[in-house]
Amino acid sequence: MPFRVETVILAPGTEQYGGAAQDPLGIDAIVGAAKRAEEAGFDGVTVPEGGHDPFLPLVLAAEHTTRVRLGTNVAIAFPRSPMVTAQLAWDLQRLSGGRFVLGLGTQSRAHVERRYAAEWKEPAGPRLRDYVGCLRAMFESFQRGGRPQRFESDHYRFDLLPAFSNPGPIAHPHVPIHLGAVNVFGARLVGELLDGIRVHPIATFRYVREVLVPSIQEGAARGGRSRSEVEIVAAPFLVTAPDEAGLAAAKAAARQHVAFYAINPGFHAVLDHHGWGGLASELAPLLSAGRLGDLGSVISDAMLDEWAVVATWDRLAAAIEARCAGTFDTVLLDLPPDLASDALRRAALVRALRGADAGHVSHAPS
């Protein structure tokens, strides 16, 4: 089956997951990565919030591409007021000619309060619902002008928008909103209200099928919608190399990435679903000792296989399709540097996943 196929720029590398610092940000690198992604046939380019602001690079990508969808994957909502996010999204939608997708996430209380130095209010789920409602009231007000579309909830109030502060109407006023989620509440919220879910890679394929998809369907039924109105985006861990001999090193890198996320209590529902509740207690001493580079040693081959697509380059497209078909609409490929830099192989992989005769897939959910 054909998929939409996205990629990511400025993604964290294995060294960063092991505690190393970010690479320096460069304009030429951002522009080049976005242009190469479009030339390779990708349907979308995304930017994470992994040490850099996820919106700013998309301005450059909008200027230097014409077709690919551009999205945050994901921007952390609560440290930004709804108006700050609404203005960023509206401007990017205008600058890209309607190609922007706003991907949002909540992060954890510790990160919001101690890394972002922002306020955290419990419970996060209802606050996120209000955040989205407030955003949409702002978008409506930007587009129509005059008296703003009033929004007031337990968490946000919006009822003032002077003409001086209104960015004005745009040609593509619907800004799709995706949620990065791995929990049941988030999946239900997506099904009920949002355009798509960007499944965190820590969610195993089985967890997505058995927990998240039913929750999306439940939310959709509550909102009077169908599953087909929700785009489900996969971002699987990829364990790939030119040959079998190279897969060992690729597995080691993937174990490190998995373990980095498995530490987070917000993701422990996935571990519990597989009966891996003790994994966090094995990781904790390594984290406390500052041994981030050793975290991957706790992840077994059997565990890794639940999370990752494991295949040599020549079998990668078939392996991704086998794991994702019937569940996901879009596949995001965070390719290893050696494969990402091989323009011919990368383009062939994208063509295979999109379907040889599929043409460019619409930006809208199927």
Foldseek 3Di string as FASTA:
>chain_A
DFFQEEAEPQDDFLVVLQPDDGDDDDLVRLLVLLLLCVVLPHQAYEYEVPPDQGLVSLLSSLVNDQGHAYEYPAGAPQLDQLVRVLVSLVVSCQSNVNRYAYEYEHDDPCCVCPVSVGDDDPPPLVVVVLSVVVSVQLLVCLEPPDFGSWGDDPHDTDGDADPVRRPHHHPHSDHFYEYADDDLSNLLCCLQPGQEYEYDLLQFLVSCVPGRVVSSQNSVVVNVHHPLSYAYEYEFQEQEEQDPVSSVVSLLSLLLVNLSVCLDPRSCVRCVVVPNNCLNVVQVVCVVVSRSSCSSVSQDPVNSVRRYQHDYLVCRLVSCCVSPPPRHRYYYYHDDPVQSPPSVSSSVSSCSNRDVPNPNDDSGGD
